ModelCIF file with pLDDT and N, C-alpha, C, O atoms, coordinates in Angstrom:
data_MODEL
#
_entry.id   MODEL 
#
_entity.id                         1 
_entity.type                       polymer 
_entity.pdbx_number_of_molecules   1 
#
_entity_poly.entity_id                      1 
_entity_poly.type                           'polypeptide(L)' 
_entity_poly.nstd_linkage                   no 
_entity_poly.nstd_monomer                   no 
_entity_poly.pdbx_seq_one_letter_code       
;(UNK)(UNK)(UNK)(UNK)(UNK)(UNK)(UNK)(UNK)(UNK)(UNK)(UNK)(UNK)(UNK)(UNK)(UNK)(UNK)
(UNK)(UNK)(UNK)(UNK)(UNK)(UNK)(UNK)(UNK)(UNK)(UNK)(UNK)(UNK)(UNK)(UNK)(UNK)(UNK)
(UNK)(UNK)(UNK)(UNK)(UNK)(UNK)(UNK)(UNK)(UNK)(UNK)(UNK)(UNK)(UNK)
;
_entity_poly.pdbx_seq_one_letter_code_can   XXXXXXXXXXXXXXXXXXXXXXXXXXXXXXXXXXXXXXXXXXXXX 
_entity_poly.pdbx_strand_id                 A 
#
loop_
_entity_poly_seq.entity_id 
_entity_poly_seq.num 
_entity_poly_seq.mon_id 
_entity_poly_seq.hetero 
1 1  UNK n 
1 2  UNK n 
1 3  UNK n 
1 4  UNK n 
1 5  UNK n 
1 6  UNK n 
1 7  UNK n 
1 8  UNK n 
1 9  UNK n 
1 10 UNK n 
1 11 UNK n 
1 12 UNK n 
1 13 UNK n 
1 14 UNK n 
1 15 UNK n 
1 16 UNK n 
1 17 UNK n 
1 18 UNK n 
1 19 UNK n 
1 20 UNK n 
1 21 UNK n 
1 22 UNK n 
1 23 UNK n 
1 24 UNK n 
1 25 UNK n 
1 26 UNK n 
1 27 UNK n 
1 28 UNK n 
1 29 UNK n 
1 30 UNK n 
1 31 UNK n 
1 32 UNK n 
1 33 UNK n 
1 34 UNK n 
1 35 UNK n 
1 36 UNK n 
1 37 UNK n 
1 38 UNK n 
1 39 UNK n 
1 40 UNK n 
1 41 UNK n 
1 42 UNK n 
1 43 UNK n 
1 44 UNK n 
1 45 UNK n 
#
_struct_asym.id          A 
_struct_asym.entity_id   1 
#
loop_
_ma_qa_metric.id 
_ma_qa_metric.mode 
_ma_qa_metric.name 
_ma_qa_metric.software_group_id 
_ma_qa_metric.type 
1 global pLDDT . pLDDT 
2 local  pLDDT . pLDDT 
#
_ma_qa_metric_global.metric_id      1 
_ma_qa_metric_global.metric_value   64.47 
_ma_qa_metric_global.model_id       1 
_ma_qa_metric_global.ordinal_id     1 
#
loop_
_ma_qa_metric_local.label_asym_id 
_ma_qa_metric_local.label_comp_id 
_ma_qa_metric_local.label_seq_id 
_ma_qa_metric_local.metric_id 
_ma_qa_metric_local.metric_value 
_ma_qa_metric_local.model_id 
_ma_qa_metric_local.ordinal_id 
A UNK 1  2 52.00 1 1  
A UNK 2  2 64.00 1 2  
A UNK 3  2 74.00 1 3  
A UNK 4  2 78.00 1 4  
A UNK 5  2 80.00 1 5  
A UNK 6  2 80.00 1 6  
A UNK 7  2 82.00 1 7  
A UNK 8  2 84.00 1 8  
A UNK 9  2 83.00 1 9  
A UNK 10 2 81.00 1 10 
A UNK 11 2 84.00 1 11 
A UNK 12 2 85.00 1 12 
A UNK 13 2 86.00 1 13 
A UNK 14 2 85.00 1 14 
A UNK 15 2 85.00 1 15 
A UNK 16 2 82.00 1 16 
A UNK 17 2 69.00 1 17 
A UNK 18 2 69.00 1 18 
A UNK 19 2 56.00 1 19 
A UNK 20 2 55.00 1 20 
A UNK 21 2 52.00 1 21 
A UNK 22 2 57.00 1 22 
A UNK 23 2 54.00 1 23 
A UNK 24 2 49.00 1 24 
A UNK 25 2 53.00 1 25 
A UNK 26 2 48.00 1 26 
A UNK 27 2 41.00 1 27 
A UNK 28 2 40.00 1 28 
A UNK 29 2 47.00 1 29 
A UNK 30 2 44.00 1 30 
A UNK 31 2 42.00 1 31 
A UNK 32 2 46.00 1 32 
A UNK 33 2 46.00 1 33 
A UNK 34 2 45.00 1 34 
A UNK 35 2 50.00 1 35 
A UNK 36 2 53.00 1 36 
A UNK 37 2 53.00 1 37 
A UNK 38 2 56.00 1 38 
A UNK 39 2 64.00 1 39 
A UNK 40 2 69.00 1 40 
A UNK 41 2 65.00 1 41 
A UNK 42 2 74.00 1 42 
A UNK 43 2 82.00 1 43 
A UNK 44 2 78.00 1 44 
A UNK 45 2 79.00 1 45 
#
loop_
_atom_site.group_PDB 
_atom_site.id 
_atom_site.type_symbol 
_atom_site.label_atom_id 
_atom_site.label_alt_id 
_atom_site.label_comp_id 
_atom_site.label_asym_id 
_atom_site.label_entity_id 
_atom_site.label_seq_id 
_atom_site.pdbx_PDB_ins_code 
_atom_site.Cartn_x 
_atom_site.Cartn_y 
_atom_site.Cartn_z 
_atom_site.occupancy 
_atom_site.B_iso_or_equiv 
_atom_site.pdbx_formal_charge 
_atom_site.auth_seq_id 
_atom_site.auth_comp_id 
_atom_site.auth_asym_id 
_atom_site.auth_atom_id 
_atom_site.pdbx_PDB_model_num 
ATOM 1   N N  . UNK A 1 1  ? 108.384 100.727 153.886 1.00 52.00 ? 1  UNK A N  1 
ATOM 2   C CA . UNK A 1 1  ? 108.134 100.664 152.525 1.00 52.00 ? 1  UNK A CA 1 
ATOM 3   C C  . UNK A 1 1  ? 106.936 101.326 152.661 1.00 52.00 ? 1  UNK A C  1 
ATOM 4   O O  . UNK A 1 1  ? 106.007 100.943 153.373 1.00 52.00 ? 1  UNK A O  1 
ATOM 5   N N  . UNK A 1 2  ? 106.961 102.895 151.584 1.00 64.00 ? 2  UNK A N  1 
ATOM 6   C CA . UNK A 1 2  ? 105.571 103.509 151.276 1.00 64.00 ? 2  UNK A CA 1 
ATOM 7   C C  . UNK A 1 2  ? 105.091 103.229 150.267 1.00 64.00 ? 2  UNK A C  1 
ATOM 8   O O  . UNK A 1 2  ? 105.667 103.003 149.202 1.00 64.00 ? 2  UNK A O  1 
ATOM 9   N N  . UNK A 1 3  ? 103.957 103.213 150.502 1.00 74.00 ? 3  UNK A N  1 
ATOM 10  C CA . UNK A 1 3  ? 103.115 102.861 149.200 1.00 74.00 ? 3  UNK A CA 1 
ATOM 11  C C  . UNK A 1 3  ? 102.733 104.452 148.812 1.00 74.00 ? 3  UNK A C  1 
ATOM 12  O O  . UNK A 1 3  ? 102.739 105.297 149.707 1.00 74.00 ? 3  UNK A O  1 
ATOM 13  N N  . UNK A 1 4  ? 102.367 104.850 147.281 1.00 78.00 ? 4  UNK A N  1 
ATOM 14  C CA . UNK A 1 4  ? 102.303 105.875 147.133 1.00 78.00 ? 4  UNK A CA 1 
ATOM 15  C C  . UNK A 1 4  ? 101.500 105.400 145.528 1.00 78.00 ? 4  UNK A C  1 
ATOM 16  O O  . UNK A 1 4  ? 101.916 104.490 144.810 1.00 78.00 ? 4  UNK A O  1 
ATOM 17  N N  . UNK A 1 5  ? 100.211 106.327 145.215 1.00 80.00 ? 5  UNK A N  1 
ATOM 18  C CA . UNK A 1 5  ? 99.418  106.411 144.317 1.00 80.00 ? 5  UNK A CA 1 
ATOM 19  C C  . UNK A 1 5  ? 99.642  107.007 142.696 1.00 80.00 ? 5  UNK A C  1 
ATOM 20  O O  . UNK A 1 5  ? 99.678  108.214 142.932 1.00 80.00 ? 5  UNK A O  1 
ATOM 21  N N  . UNK A 1 6  ? 99.734  106.935 141.882 1.00 80.00 ? 6  UNK A N  1 
ATOM 22  C CA . UNK A 1 6  ? 99.750  107.958 141.008 1.00 80.00 ? 6  UNK A CA 1 
ATOM 23  C C  . UNK A 1 6  ? 99.116  107.336 139.703 1.00 80.00 ? 6  UNK A C  1 
ATOM 24  O O  . UNK A 1 6  ? 98.726  106.198 139.441 1.00 80.00 ? 6  UNK A O  1 
ATOM 25  N N  . UNK A 1 7  ? 99.159  108.457 139.017 1.00 82.00 ? 7  UNK A N  1 
ATOM 26  C CA . UNK A 1 7  ? 98.664  107.824 137.289 1.00 82.00 ? 7  UNK A CA 1 
ATOM 27  C C  . UNK A 1 7  ? 99.782  108.622 136.336 1.00 82.00 ? 7  UNK A C  1 
ATOM 28  O O  . UNK A 1 7  ? 100.445 109.657 136.397 1.00 82.00 ? 7  UNK A O  1 
ATOM 29  N N  . UNK A 1 8  ? 99.557  107.361 135.303 1.00 84.00 ? 8  UNK A N  1 
ATOM 30  C CA . UNK A 1 8  ? 100.669 107.656 133.651 1.00 84.00 ? 8  UNK A CA 1 
ATOM 31  C C  . UNK A 1 8  ? 99.890  107.075 132.849 1.00 84.00 ? 8  UNK A C  1 
ATOM 32  O O  . UNK A 1 8  ? 99.517  105.912 133.001 1.00 84.00 ? 8  UNK A O  1 
ATOM 33  N N  . UNK A 1 9  ? 99.493  107.959 131.724 1.00 83.00 ? 9  UNK A N  1 
ATOM 34  C CA . UNK A 1 9  ? 98.955  107.706 130.633 1.00 83.00 ? 9  UNK A CA 1 
ATOM 35  C C  . UNK A 1 9  ? 98.019  107.455 130.984 1.00 83.00 ? 9  UNK A C  1 
ATOM 36  O O  . UNK A 1 9  ? 97.925  106.228 130.971 1.00 83.00 ? 9  UNK A O  1 
ATOM 37  N N  . UNK A 1 10 ? 96.948  108.016 131.422 1.00 81.00 ? 10 UNK A N  1 
ATOM 38  C CA . UNK A 1 10 ? 95.742  107.716 132.381 1.00 81.00 ? 10 UNK A CA 1 
ATOM 39  C C  . UNK A 1 10 ? 95.458  106.260 133.027 1.00 81.00 ? 10 UNK A C  1 
ATOM 40  O O  . UNK A 1 10 ? 94.313  105.831 133.168 1.00 81.00 ? 10 UNK A O  1 
ATOM 41  N N  . UNK A 1 11 ? 96.782  105.446 133.456 1.00 84.00 ? 11 UNK A N  1 
ATOM 42  C CA . UNK A 1 11 ? 96.471  104.287 133.937 1.00 84.00 ? 11 UNK A CA 1 
ATOM 43  C C  . UNK A 1 11 ? 97.025  104.100 135.757 1.00 84.00 ? 11 UNK A C  1 
ATOM 44  O O  . UNK A 1 11 ? 98.255  104.054 135.780 1.00 84.00 ? 11 UNK A O  1 
ATOM 45  N N  . UNK A 1 12 ? 96.480  104.002 137.015 1.00 85.00 ? 12 UNK A N  1 
ATOM 46  C CA . UNK A 1 12 ? 96.653  103.709 137.931 1.00 85.00 ? 12 UNK A CA 1 
ATOM 47  C C  . UNK A 1 12 ? 98.175  103.428 137.777 1.00 85.00 ? 12 UNK A C  1 
ATOM 48  O O  . UNK A 1 12 ? 98.731  103.238 136.695 1.00 85.00 ? 12 UNK A O  1 
ATOM 49  N N  . UNK A 1 13 ? 99.029  103.423 139.502 1.00 86.00 ? 13 UNK A N  1 
ATOM 50  C CA . UNK A 1 13 ? 100.631 102.434 139.862 1.00 86.00 ? 13 UNK A CA 1 
ATOM 51  C C  . UNK A 1 13 ? 100.270 103.089 140.699 1.00 86.00 ? 13 UNK A C  1 
ATOM 52  O O  . UNK A 1 13 ? 99.857  104.248 140.671 1.00 86.00 ? 13 UNK A O  1 
ATOM 53  N N  . UNK A 1 14 ? 100.428 102.233 141.705 1.00 85.00 ? 14 UNK A N  1 
ATOM 54  C CA . UNK A 1 14 ? 101.181 102.220 143.096 1.00 85.00 ? 14 UNK A CA 1 
ATOM 55  C C  . UNK A 1 14 ? 103.128 101.929 143.183 1.00 85.00 ? 14 UNK A C  1 
ATOM 56  O O  . UNK A 1 14 ? 103.786 100.908 142.980 1.00 85.00 ? 14 UNK A O  1 
ATOM 57  N N  . UNK A 1 15 ? 103.595 103.505 143.619 1.00 85.00 ? 15 UNK A N  1 
ATOM 58  C CA . UNK A 1 15 ? 104.794 103.231 143.769 1.00 85.00 ? 15 UNK A CA 1 
ATOM 59  C C  . UNK A 1 15 ? 105.065 102.899 145.373 1.00 85.00 ? 15 UNK A C  1 
ATOM 60  O O  . UNK A 1 15 ? 104.310 103.163 146.308 1.00 85.00 ? 15 UNK A O  1 
ATOM 61  N N  . UNK A 1 16 ? 106.271 102.289 145.421 1.00 82.00 ? 16 UNK A N  1 
ATOM 62  C CA . UNK A 1 16 ? 106.485 101.468 146.467 1.00 82.00 ? 16 UNK A CA 1 
ATOM 63  C C  . UNK A 1 16 ? 107.747 102.064 146.681 1.00 82.00 ? 16 UNK A C  1 
ATOM 64  O O  . UNK A 1 16 ? 108.698 101.687 145.996 1.00 82.00 ? 16 UNK A O  1 
ATOM 65  N N  . UNK A 1 17 ? 107.945 103.307 147.890 1.00 69.00 ? 17 UNK A N  1 
ATOM 66  C CA . UNK A 1 17 ? 109.969 103.349 147.920 1.00 69.00 ? 17 UNK A CA 1 
ATOM 67  C C  . UNK A 1 17 ? 109.988 102.619 149.442 1.00 69.00 ? 17 UNK A C  1 
ATOM 68  O O  . UNK A 1 17 ? 109.215 102.638 150.400 1.00 69.00 ? 17 UNK A O  1 
ATOM 69  N N  . UNK A 1 18 ? 111.150 102.029 149.187 1.00 69.00 ? 18 UNK A N  1 
ATOM 70  C CA . UNK A 1 18 ? 111.809 101.227 150.338 1.00 69.00 ? 18 UNK A CA 1 
ATOM 71  C C  . UNK A 1 18 ? 113.284 101.314 150.992 1.00 69.00 ? 18 UNK A C  1 
ATOM 72  O O  . UNK A 1 18 ? 114.289 101.542 150.319 1.00 69.00 ? 18 UNK A O  1 
ATOM 73  N N  . UNK A 1 19 ? 113.287 101.099 152.414 1.00 56.00 ? 19 UNK A N  1 
ATOM 74  C CA . UNK A 1 19 ? 114.874 101.553 152.940 1.00 56.00 ? 19 UNK A CA 1 
ATOM 75  C C  . UNK A 1 19 ? 115.625 101.139 151.966 1.00 56.00 ? 19 UNK A C  1 
ATOM 76  O O  . UNK A 1 19 ? 115.485 100.212 151.168 1.00 56.00 ? 19 UNK A O  1 
ATOM 77  N N  . UNK A 1 20 ? 116.474 101.954 152.115 1.00 55.00 ? 20 UNK A N  1 
ATOM 78  C CA . UNK A 1 20 ? 118.243 101.034 151.255 1.00 55.00 ? 20 UNK A CA 1 
ATOM 79  C C  . UNK A 1 20 ? 118.564 100.012 152.019 1.00 55.00 ? 20 UNK A C  1 
ATOM 80  O O  . UNK A 1 20 ? 118.684 100.057 153.243 1.00 55.00 ? 20 UNK A O  1 
ATOM 81  N N  . UNK A 1 21 ? 118.754 98.791  151.123 1.00 52.00 ? 21 UNK A N  1 
ATOM 82  C CA . UNK A 1 21 ? 118.988 97.248  151.300 1.00 52.00 ? 21 UNK A CA 1 
ATOM 83  C C  . UNK A 1 21 ? 120.348 97.559  151.912 1.00 52.00 ? 21 UNK A C  1 
ATOM 84  O O  . UNK A 1 21 ? 120.804 98.587  151.413 1.00 52.00 ? 21 UNK A O  1 
ATOM 85  N N  . UNK A 1 22 ? 120.995 97.118  152.652 1.00 57.00 ? 22 UNK A N  1 
ATOM 86  C CA . UNK A 1 22 ? 122.502 96.937  153.225 1.00 57.00 ? 22 UNK A CA 1 
ATOM 87  C C  . UNK A 1 22 ? 122.410 95.504  153.132 1.00 57.00 ? 22 UNK A C  1 
ATOM 88  O O  . UNK A 1 22 ? 121.362 94.938  152.823 1.00 57.00 ? 22 UNK A O  1 
ATOM 89  N N  . UNK A 1 23 ? 123.581 94.853  153.417 1.00 54.00 ? 23 UNK A N  1 
ATOM 90  C CA . UNK A 1 23 ? 123.875 93.795  153.596 1.00 54.00 ? 23 UNK A CA 1 
ATOM 91  C C  . UNK A 1 23 ? 123.708 93.164  154.816 1.00 54.00 ? 23 UNK A C  1 
ATOM 92  O O  . UNK A 1 23 ? 124.265 93.568  155.837 1.00 54.00 ? 23 UNK A O  1 
ATOM 93  N N  . UNK A 1 24 ? 122.905 92.103  154.774 1.00 49.00 ? 24 UNK A N  1 
ATOM 94  C CA . UNK A 1 24 ? 122.714 91.373  156.038 1.00 49.00 ? 24 UNK A CA 1 
ATOM 95  C C  . UNK A 1 24 ? 123.514 91.391  157.351 1.00 49.00 ? 24 UNK A C  1 
ATOM 96  O O  . UNK A 1 24 ? 122.961 91.453  158.449 1.00 49.00 ? 24 UNK A O  1 
ATOM 97  N N  . UNK A 1 25 ? 124.590 91.344  157.211 1.00 53.00 ? 25 UNK A N  1 
ATOM 98  C CA . UNK A 1 25 ? 125.478 91.179  158.555 1.00 53.00 ? 25 UNK A CA 1 
ATOM 99  C C  . UNK A 1 25 ? 125.920 92.335  158.715 1.00 53.00 ? 25 UNK A C  1 
ATOM 100 O O  . UNK A 1 25 ? 126.466 92.354  159.818 1.00 53.00 ? 25 UNK A O  1 
ATOM 101 N N  . UNK A 1 26 ? 126.018 93.736  158.014 1.00 48.00 ? 26 UNK A N  1 
ATOM 102 C CA . UNK A 1 26 ? 125.915 94.790  158.681 1.00 48.00 ? 26 UNK A CA 1 
ATOM 103 C C  . UNK A 1 26 ? 124.663 95.276  159.101 1.00 48.00 ? 26 UNK A C  1 
ATOM 104 O O  . UNK A 1 26 ? 124.863 96.417  159.516 1.00 48.00 ? 26 UNK A O  1 
ATOM 105 N N  . UNK A 1 27 ? 123.666 95.031  159.186 1.00 41.00 ? 27 UNK A N  1 
ATOM 106 C CA . UNK A 1 27 ? 122.069 95.177  159.551 1.00 41.00 ? 27 UNK A CA 1 
ATOM 107 C C  . UNK A 1 27 ? 122.012 94.763  161.226 1.00 41.00 ? 27 UNK A C  1 
ATOM 108 O O  . UNK A 1 27 ? 121.446 93.711  161.522 1.00 41.00 ? 27 UNK A O  1 
ATOM 109 N N  . UNK A 1 28 ? 122.593 95.588  162.274 1.00 40.00 ? 28 UNK A N  1 
ATOM 110 C CA . UNK A 1 28 ? 122.733 95.972  163.379 1.00 40.00 ? 28 UNK A CA 1 
ATOM 111 C C  . UNK A 1 28 ? 121.715 96.115  164.235 1.00 40.00 ? 28 UNK A C  1 
ATOM 112 O O  . UNK A 1 28 ? 121.470 95.410  165.214 1.00 40.00 ? 28 UNK A O  1 
ATOM 113 N N  . UNK A 1 29 ? 120.952 97.331  163.719 1.00 47.00 ? 29 UNK A N  1 
ATOM 114 C CA . UNK A 1 29 ? 120.007 97.988  164.914 1.00 47.00 ? 29 UNK A CA 1 
ATOM 115 C C  . UNK A 1 29 ? 118.455 97.410  164.525 1.00 47.00 ? 29 UNK A C  1 
ATOM 116 O O  . UNK A 1 29 ? 117.906 97.329  163.426 1.00 47.00 ? 29 UNK A O  1 
ATOM 117 N N  . UNK A 1 30 ? 118.086 97.126  165.572 1.00 44.00 ? 30 UNK A N  1 
ATOM 118 C CA . UNK A 1 30 ? 116.351 96.511  165.262 1.00 44.00 ? 30 UNK A CA 1 
ATOM 119 C C  . UNK A 1 30 ? 116.033 97.255  164.303 1.00 44.00 ? 30 UNK A C  1 
ATOM 120 O O  . UNK A 1 30 ? 116.403 96.837  163.207 1.00 44.00 ? 30 UNK A O  1 
ATOM 121 N N  . UNK A 1 31 ? 115.403 98.340  164.311 1.00 42.00 ? 31 UNK A N  1 
ATOM 122 C CA . UNK A 1 31 ? 114.436 98.820  163.420 1.00 42.00 ? 31 UNK A CA 1 
ATOM 123 C C  . UNK A 1 31 ? 115.418 98.983  161.892 1.00 42.00 ? 31 UNK A C  1 
ATOM 124 O O  . UNK A 1 31 ? 114.772 99.427  160.943 1.00 42.00 ? 31 UNK A O  1 
ATOM 125 N N  . UNK A 1 32 ? 116.457 98.752  161.701 1.00 46.00 ? 32 UNK A N  1 
ATOM 126 C CA . UNK A 1 32 ? 117.179 98.700  160.630 1.00 46.00 ? 32 UNK A CA 1 
ATOM 127 C C  . UNK A 1 32 ? 116.877 96.873  160.057 1.00 46.00 ? 32 UNK A C  1 
ATOM 128 O O  . UNK A 1 32 ? 116.780 96.632  158.854 1.00 46.00 ? 32 UNK A O  1 
ATOM 129 N N  . UNK A 1 33 ? 116.766 95.778  161.099 1.00 46.00 ? 33 UNK A N  1 
ATOM 130 C CA . UNK A 1 33 ? 116.538 94.852  160.897 1.00 46.00 ? 33 UNK A CA 1 
ATOM 131 C C  . UNK A 1 33 ? 115.001 94.994  160.555 1.00 46.00 ? 33 UNK A C  1 
ATOM 132 O O  . UNK A 1 33 ? 114.857 94.434  159.468 1.00 46.00 ? 33 UNK A O  1 
ATOM 133 N N  . UNK A 1 34 ? 114.049 95.384  160.899 1.00 45.00 ? 34 UNK A N  1 
ATOM 134 C CA . UNK A 1 34 ? 112.970 95.506  160.373 1.00 45.00 ? 34 UNK A CA 1 
ATOM 135 C C  . UNK A 1 34 ? 112.436 96.024  159.072 1.00 45.00 ? 34 UNK A C  1 
ATOM 136 O O  . UNK A 1 34 ? 111.402 95.850  158.428 1.00 45.00 ? 34 UNK A O  1 
ATOM 137 N N  . UNK A 1 35 ? 113.437 96.665  158.940 1.00 50.00 ? 35 UNK A N  1 
ATOM 138 C CA . UNK A 1 35 ? 112.941 97.760  157.346 1.00 50.00 ? 35 UNK A CA 1 
ATOM 139 C C  . UNK A 1 35 ? 114.095 97.199  156.697 1.00 50.00 ? 35 UNK A C  1 
ATOM 140 O O  . UNK A 1 35 ? 114.290 98.048  155.827 1.00 50.00 ? 35 UNK A O  1 
ATOM 141 N N  . UNK A 1 36 ? 115.127 96.190  156.524 1.00 53.00 ? 36 UNK A N  1 
ATOM 142 C CA . UNK A 1 36 ? 115.041 95.262  155.548 1.00 53.00 ? 36 UNK A CA 1 
ATOM 143 C C  . UNK A 1 36 ? 113.975 94.193  155.049 1.00 53.00 ? 36 UNK A C  1 
ATOM 144 O O  . UNK A 1 36 ? 113.635 93.852  153.916 1.00 53.00 ? 36 UNK A O  1 
ATOM 145 N N  . UNK A 1 37 ? 113.536 93.751  156.444 1.00 53.00 ? 37 UNK A N  1 
ATOM 146 C CA . UNK A 1 37 ? 112.309 92.564  156.121 1.00 53.00 ? 37 UNK A CA 1 
ATOM 147 C C  . UNK A 1 37 ? 111.167 93.659  155.235 1.00 53.00 ? 37 UNK A C  1 
ATOM 148 O O  . UNK A 1 37 ? 110.396 93.197  154.394 1.00 53.00 ? 37 UNK A O  1 
ATOM 149 N N  . UNK A 1 38 ? 111.186 94.301  155.384 1.00 56.00 ? 38 UNK A N  1 
ATOM 150 C CA . UNK A 1 38 ? 110.104 95.424  155.149 1.00 56.00 ? 38 UNK A CA 1 
ATOM 151 C C  . UNK A 1 38 ? 110.512 95.054  153.245 1.00 56.00 ? 38 UNK A C  1 
ATOM 152 O O  . UNK A 1 38 ? 110.055 94.294  152.391 1.00 56.00 ? 38 UNK A O  1 
ATOM 153 N N  . UNK A 1 39 ? 110.986 95.504  153.271 1.00 64.00 ? 39 UNK A N  1 
ATOM 154 C CA . UNK A 1 39 ? 112.018 95.973  152.156 1.00 64.00 ? 39 UNK A CA 1 
ATOM 155 C C  . UNK A 1 39 ? 111.596 94.503  151.491 1.00 64.00 ? 39 UNK A C  1 
ATOM 156 O O  . UNK A 1 39 ? 110.593 94.453  150.780 1.00 64.00 ? 39 UNK A O  1 
ATOM 157 N N  . UNK A 1 40 ? 112.424 93.262  151.754 1.00 69.00 ? 40 UNK A N  1 
ATOM 158 C CA . UNK A 1 40 ? 112.490 92.067  151.116 1.00 69.00 ? 40 UNK A CA 1 
ATOM 159 C C  . UNK A 1 40 ? 110.483 91.848  151.170 1.00 69.00 ? 40 UNK A C  1 
ATOM 160 O O  . UNK A 1 40 ? 110.599 90.676  150.811 1.00 69.00 ? 40 UNK A O  1 
ATOM 161 N N  . UNK A 1 41 ? 109.661 91.936  151.246 1.00 65.00 ? 41 UNK A N  1 
ATOM 162 C CA . UNK A 1 41 ? 108.216 92.256  151.389 1.00 65.00 ? 41 UNK A CA 1 
ATOM 163 C C  . UNK A 1 41 ? 107.552 93.020  150.499 1.00 65.00 ? 41 UNK A C  1 
ATOM 164 O O  . UNK A 1 41 ? 106.668 92.698  149.705 1.00 65.00 ? 41 UNK A O  1 
ATOM 165 N N  . UNK A 1 42 ? 108.198 94.346  150.762 1.00 74.00 ? 42 UNK A N  1 
ATOM 166 C CA . UNK A 1 42 ? 107.925 94.930  149.184 1.00 74.00 ? 42 UNK A CA 1 
ATOM 167 C C  . UNK A 1 42 ? 108.213 94.607  147.864 1.00 74.00 ? 42 UNK A C  1 
ATOM 168 O O  . UNK A 1 42 ? 107.417 94.786  146.943 1.00 74.00 ? 42 UNK A O  1 
ATOM 169 N N  . UNK A 1 43 ? 109.351 94.127  147.740 1.00 82.00 ? 43 UNK A N  1 
ATOM 170 C CA . UNK A 1 43 ? 109.736 93.332  146.516 1.00 82.00 ? 43 UNK A CA 1 
ATOM 171 C C  . UNK A 1 43 ? 108.428 92.012  146.301 1.00 82.00 ? 43 UNK A C  1 
ATOM 172 O O  . UNK A 1 43 ? 107.833 91.816  145.241 1.00 82.00 ? 43 UNK A O  1 
ATOM 173 N N  . UNK A 1 44 ? 108.236 91.330  147.436 1.00 78.00 ? 44 UNK A N  1 
ATOM 174 C CA . UNK A 1 44 ? 107.316 90.234  146.883 1.00 78.00 ? 44 UNK A CA 1 
ATOM 175 C C  . UNK A 1 44 ? 105.757 91.007  146.367 1.00 78.00 ? 44 UNK A C  1 
ATOM 176 O O  . UNK A 1 44 ? 104.900 90.607  145.579 1.00 78.00 ? 44 UNK A O  1 
ATOM 177 N N  . UNK A 1 45 ? 105.830 92.015  147.028 1.00 79.00 ? 45 UNK A N  1 
ATOM 178 C CA . UNK A 1 45 ? 104.413 92.684  146.720 1.00 79.00 ? 45 UNK A CA 1 
ATOM 179 C C  . UNK A 1 45 ? 104.495 93.324  145.471 1.00 79.00 ? 45 UNK A C  1 
ATOM 180 O O  . UNK A 1 45 ? 103.517 93.917  145.014 1.00 79.00 ? 45 UNK A O  1 
#
């Protein structure tokens, strides 16, 4: 999940780009599992 800062109408925003979310059952690779968790945490933030 990547945080980037930008402004719109002179207001600050943070964009969070996340890894593409796959179905949990299709997430096999260890790193992919981390990425899914990261995406879920990004949603929470």
